[in-house]
Amino acid sequence: MQQREKVEEMSINHEAALLEVENAHMVALATLQEEHTRTVKDLKEAHEEQRRVLEQDFEKLRLSLQDQVDTLTFQNHSLRDRAKRFEEALRRSTDEQIVDALAPYQHIEEDLKSLKEVLEMKNQQIHKQELKISELEKMAQKNVVLEERLQVLQQQNEDLKARIDRNLAMSRQLSEENANLQVYVEKETNEKKRLSRTNEELLWRLQTGELSPRMLSPSSSPVHRASPGPGSPARFQPLPR
């Protein structure tokens, strides 16, 4: 009876220890998987949102710059055409004045005034055009900065992929460890059943008189403690029948 109580007590303690180890491992695995899933999801959402915003801003800026370049190009062509027409008109007017050298000169001041106004308008338009070109250059610099930011985001995306690969490798390792633990628990359960059967057999043999209490003394006990292997608890092995 003492031997049976010891075996039962050891079986209960062993089963409780295995259950505690298994529960702790399952909780740790579930927590790690949940944290990994949440982290990957948050990083993906943040990266996708930032990339979408940058792409939209870049497209808007590109369209705006393209419109301004087209407008300035059209204005430049128009100014060139007007200047050419003005030069041709001025040359024709000069030729006519040379031909009509004896004509009255009362319109010369008005023509000069008109020419001065036209020249001032042309200078103002040229100044405005220079300002617009300066603004376009600044926008082009901003575009370069946006391209650099896009490269940084691409590098961050590569880093994120690498982190995801490492997390997947860790998950596979945890799955393998869980499978090994399941195999270990199954072996321990089979060992416990075998010990129980051995104990019942010993009790039966005691009751039937095949064994005497003297034969179960510490020096001749049919159950010997096997030296524990690395990483596994001590086990009892019965003598051969």
Foldseek 3Di string as FASTA:
>chain_A
DVVVVVLVVVVVVVVVVLVVVLVVLVVVLVVLVVVLVVVLVVVVVVLVVVVVVLVVVLVVLVVVLVVLVVVLVVVVVVLVVVVVVVVVVVVVVVVVCVVPVVDDDPCVVVVVVVVVVVVVVSVVVVVVSVVSVVVSVVSVVVSVVSVVVVVVSVVVVVVSVVVNVVSVVVSVVSVVVSVVSVVLVVVVVVLSVVVVVVVVVVVVCCVVVVDDVVCCPPVNNQWDWDDDDPPDDIGIDGHDD
